[in-house]
Protein backbone atom coordinates (compact mmCIF):
# COMPACT_ATOMS: atom_id res chain seq x y z
CA MET A 1 -10.68 -1.24 5.54
CA LEU A 2 -11.18 -1.33 1.76
CA GLU A 3 -9.45 2.05 1.39
CA GLN A 4 -6.37 0.72 3.21
CA LEU A 5 -6.37 -2.42 1.06
CA ILE A 6 -6.54 -0.32 -2.13
CA ASP A 7 -3.71 1.95 -0.94
CA LYS A 8 -1.55 -1.12 -0.22
CA CYS A 9 -2.39 -2.79 -3.54
CA ARG A 10 0.42 -1.39 -5.69
CA SER A 11 2.37 -2.62 -8.72
CA TYR A 12 5.28 -4.53 -7.21
CA ARG A 13 8.21 -5.42 -9.44
CA SER A 14 10.56 -7.13 -6.98
CA PHE A 15 9.73 -10.16 -4.87
CA THR A 16 11.19 -11.96 -1.85
CA PRO A 17 13.28 -14.92 -3.01
CA GLY A 18 12.14 -18.34 -1.83
CA VAL A 19 8.61 -17.28 -0.81
CA SER A 20 5.99 -19.05 -2.91
CA VAL A 21 2.32 -18.31 -3.19
CA PRO A 22 0.55 -21.32 -1.64
CA ASP A 23 -1.59 -23.17 -4.19
CA ASP A 24 -4.72 -23.04 -2.02
CA LEU A 25 -4.43 -19.25 -1.73
CA LEU A 26 -3.87 -18.82 -5.46
CA ARG A 27 -6.91 -20.98 -6.19
CA GLN A 28 -9.00 -18.87 -3.78
CA TRP A 29 -7.91 -15.68 -5.57
CA LEU A 30 -8.88 -17.19 -8.93
CA ARG A 31 -12.21 -18.31 -7.47
CA ASN A 32 -12.80 -14.75 -6.25
CA ALA A 33 -12.08 -13.45 -9.75
CA GLY A 34 -14.41 -16.02 -11.29
CA ARG A 35 -17.29 -14.80 -9.14
CA THR A 36 -17.05 -11.12 -10.12
CA ALA A 37 -19.06 -9.23 -12.73
CA SER A 38 -18.83 -10.48 -16.30
CA THR A 39 -20.07 -8.94 -19.56
CA ARG A 40 -23.39 -10.65 -20.41
CA ASN A 41 -22.33 -13.16 -17.71
CA LEU A 42 -20.46 -15.13 -20.38
CA GLN A 43 -17.51 -15.66 -18.00
CA VAL A 44 -14.88 -15.64 -20.76
CA VAL A 45 -11.76 -15.16 -18.60
CA ARG A 46 -9.42 -18.15 -18.30
CA PHE A 47 -6.19 -18.47 -16.32
CA LYS A 48 -2.92 -20.15 -17.24
CA ILE A 49 -0.83 -20.61 -14.07
CA CYS A 50 2.90 -20.46 -14.73
CA THR A 51 5.43 -21.55 -12.11
CA GLY A 52 8.82 -23.23 -12.34
CA GLU A 53 9.90 -23.88 -15.92
CA ALA A 54 6.77 -22.29 -17.41
CA LEU A 55 7.45 -19.09 -15.44
CA GLN A 56 11.06 -19.05 -16.66
CA LYS A 57 9.83 -19.48 -20.23
CA LEU A 58 7.22 -16.68 -19.95
CA LEU A 59 9.25 -14.12 -17.99
CA PRO A 60 11.53 -13.02 -20.88
CA LEU A 61 8.46 -12.51 -23.08
CA THR A 62 7.25 -9.71 -20.79
CA ARG A 63 8.43 -6.12 -20.48
CA TRP A 64 8.14 -4.36 -17.12
CA ALA A 65 8.11 -0.72 -15.95
CA GLY A 66 8.49 1.02 -19.29
CA GLY A 67 8.57 4.34 -17.43
CA LEU A 68 11.87 3.45 -15.76
CA ALA A 69 14.25 3.28 -18.69
CA GLY A 70 17.52 1.52 -18.10
CA ARG A 71 16.24 -0.61 -15.20
CA LYS A 72 15.67 -4.37 -15.36
CA PHE A 73 12.58 -5.69 -13.62
CA PRO A 74 12.26 -7.90 -11.83
CA PRO A 75 15.82 -7.69 -10.51
CA ALA A 76 17.78 -10.92 -10.90
CA GLY A 77 16.93 -13.29 -8.06
CA HIS A 78 13.75 -11.35 -7.17
CA GLU A 79 11.33 -12.87 -9.67
CA PRO A 80 7.69 -13.55 -8.81
CA SER A 81 6.74 -17.06 -7.75
CA VAL A 82 3.76 -17.11 -10.13
CA LEU A 83 2.95 -15.57 -13.49
CA LEU A 84 -0.71 -15.77 -14.46
CA ILE A 85 -1.79 -15.37 -18.05
CA LEU A 86 -5.33 -14.00 -18.20
CA CYS A 87 -6.94 -15.08 -21.46
CA ILE A 88 -10.22 -14.52 -23.24
CA ASP A 89 -11.95 -17.70 -24.37
CA THR A 90 -12.67 -16.68 -27.97
CA ASP A 91 -15.03 -19.63 -28.49
CA LEU A 92 -17.39 -17.86 -26.06
CA ALA A 93 -16.86 -14.24 -27.07
CA GLN A 94 -14.75 -11.89 -29.12
CA GLY A 95 -14.33 -8.15 -29.24
CA PRO A 96 -13.09 -5.31 -27.07
CA ALA A 97 -16.03 -5.41 -24.63
CA TYR A 98 -14.57 -8.49 -22.97
CA PHE A 99 -11.30 -6.81 -22.07
CA LYS A 100 -13.24 -5.13 -19.25
CA ASP A 101 -13.71 -8.57 -17.75
CA ILE A 102 -9.93 -9.05 -17.77
CA GLY A 103 -9.52 -5.81 -15.77
CA ILE A 104 -12.17 -6.78 -13.25
CA ALA A 105 -10.59 -10.21 -12.75
CA ALA A 106 -7.06 -8.78 -12.50
CA GLN A 107 -7.96 -6.20 -9.87
CA THR A 108 -9.86 -8.83 -7.88
CA ILE A 109 -6.83 -11.13 -7.92
CA LEU A 110 -4.47 -8.34 -6.85
CA LEU A 111 -6.75 -7.16 -4.04
CA SER A 112 -7.08 -10.77 -2.86
CA ALA A 113 -3.30 -11.18 -2.93
CA THR A 114 -2.78 -7.94 -1.04
CA GLU A 115 -5.25 -8.97 1.64
CA ALA A 116 -3.23 -12.19 2.14
CA GLY A 117 0.10 -10.32 2.48
CA PHE A 118 1.25 -10.90 -1.10
CA GLY A 119 1.31 -8.56 -4.08
CA GLY A 120 1.76 -8.36 -7.77
CA CYS A 121 1.93 -6.40 -10.96
CA MET A 122 -0.26 -6.28 -14.04
CA ILE A 123 1.84 -6.61 -17.19
CA GLY A 124 0.37 -5.66 -20.53
CA ALA A 125 3.65 -5.26 -22.40
CA PHE A 126 4.02 -8.54 -24.30
CA ASP A 127 3.17 -9.87 -27.73
CA PRO A 128 -0.03 -11.94 -27.40
CA GLU A 129 0.73 -14.14 -30.41
CA THR A 130 4.22 -14.97 -29.15
CA VAL A 131 2.86 -15.79 -25.67
CA ARG A 132 0.04 -17.85 -27.20
CA LYS A 133 2.55 -19.89 -29.22
CA GLU A 134 5.32 -20.23 -26.62
CA MET A 135 2.91 -21.19 -23.83
CA SER A 136 0.95 -23.62 -26.07
CA LEU A 137 -2.39 -21.90 -25.49
CA GLY A 138 -3.85 -22.76 -28.90
CA GLU A 139 -6.05 -20.54 -31.04
CA ARG A 140 -9.01 -20.57 -28.65
CA TYR A 141 -7.37 -18.55 -25.85
CA LEU A 142 -6.26 -14.96 -26.44
CA PRO A 143 -3.66 -13.78 -23.89
CA ALA A 144 -4.84 -10.37 -22.69
CA LEU A 145 -2.80 -9.69 -19.53
CA VAL A 146 -0.07 -11.23 -17.38
CA ILE A 147 -0.05 -10.84 -13.60
CA ALA A 148 3.12 -11.38 -11.57
CA LEU A 149 2.48 -12.60 -8.01
CA GLY A 150 4.72 -13.10 -5.01
CA LYS A 151 5.80 -11.63 -1.70
CA PRO A 152 6.86 -8.02 -2.45
CA ASP A 153 10.26 -6.93 -1.19
CA GLU A 154 10.14 -3.29 -2.22
CA ALA A 155 8.46 -0.12 -0.98
CA VAL A 156 5.90 1.69 -3.11
CA ARG A 157 4.53 5.05 -2.04
CA ILE A 158 1.53 7.01 -3.33
CA ASP A 159 2.29 10.72 -3.77
CA ASP A 160 0.17 13.74 -4.61
CA LEU A 161 0.45 14.82 -8.22
CA PRO A 162 3.24 17.42 -8.48
CA ALA A 163 2.57 21.00 -9.65
CA SER A 164 3.88 20.00 -13.10
CA GLY A 165 0.96 17.56 -13.45
CA SER A 166 3.31 14.70 -14.33
CA THR A 167 1.92 11.22 -13.64
CA ALA A 168 5.30 9.57 -14.29
CA TYR A 169 6.35 7.14 -11.59
CA TRP A 170 9.92 7.26 -10.34
CA ARG A 171 12.45 5.78 -7.90
CA ASP A 172 14.27 7.78 -5.24
CA GLU A 173 17.85 7.33 -3.99
CA ASP A 174 16.64 4.60 -1.56
CA ASP A 175 14.94 2.75 -4.46
CA VAL A 176 11.46 3.57 -3.11
CA HIS A 177 8.97 3.56 -5.97
CA HIS A 178 6.82 6.73 -6.07
CA VAL A 179 3.46 6.81 -7.84
CA PRO A 180 1.81 10.25 -8.24
CA LYS A 181 -2.00 10.16 -8.12
CA ARG A 182 -4.57 12.82 -9.04
CA SER A 183 -6.70 14.33 -6.26
CA LEU A 184 -10.38 13.52 -5.95
CA GLU A 185 -11.17 17.05 -7.09
CA ASP A 186 -9.29 16.40 -10.32
CA LEU A 187 -11.28 13.23 -10.97
CA ILE A 188 -14.80 14.55 -10.55
CA LEU A 189 -16.32 16.31 -13.57
């Protein structure tokens, strides 16, 4: 069951228009993330939920799918219904060790979303200082990651790594997103 959930939990960059993530579900996903492992149990991850006008303000500050040059994501009219800014509370902790907590929280949120029939995409391509200023986060909260959430309306397929060894993702003529993954034998030292 977990293996199927992981295989279905992909980076989605196009979402079904008019389908919102219910607030109670979103809050459950954030609760799940808040209960996961945390460096020194300091629990430094904070969430800024952006919908409506806040989402429209944040969206142009992000850059999606850098490996697909010349494509705009999300496509017009297929934006996520939620953008989450995952921040580190710098009054509690500072330093690179706490970025692990961001990854743990992000994956927990995305697995929770996938289980509920939704999906998302982690977005690390943004300027933290610009996001901090434009989203009025103040000096205390360091934006570390943005997660887009919604009802995916695209197909994403996991492929075996090609003979060339390229890990570059790509789109086929039917706009199916292909993501090459290394074999287990390649991962084990």
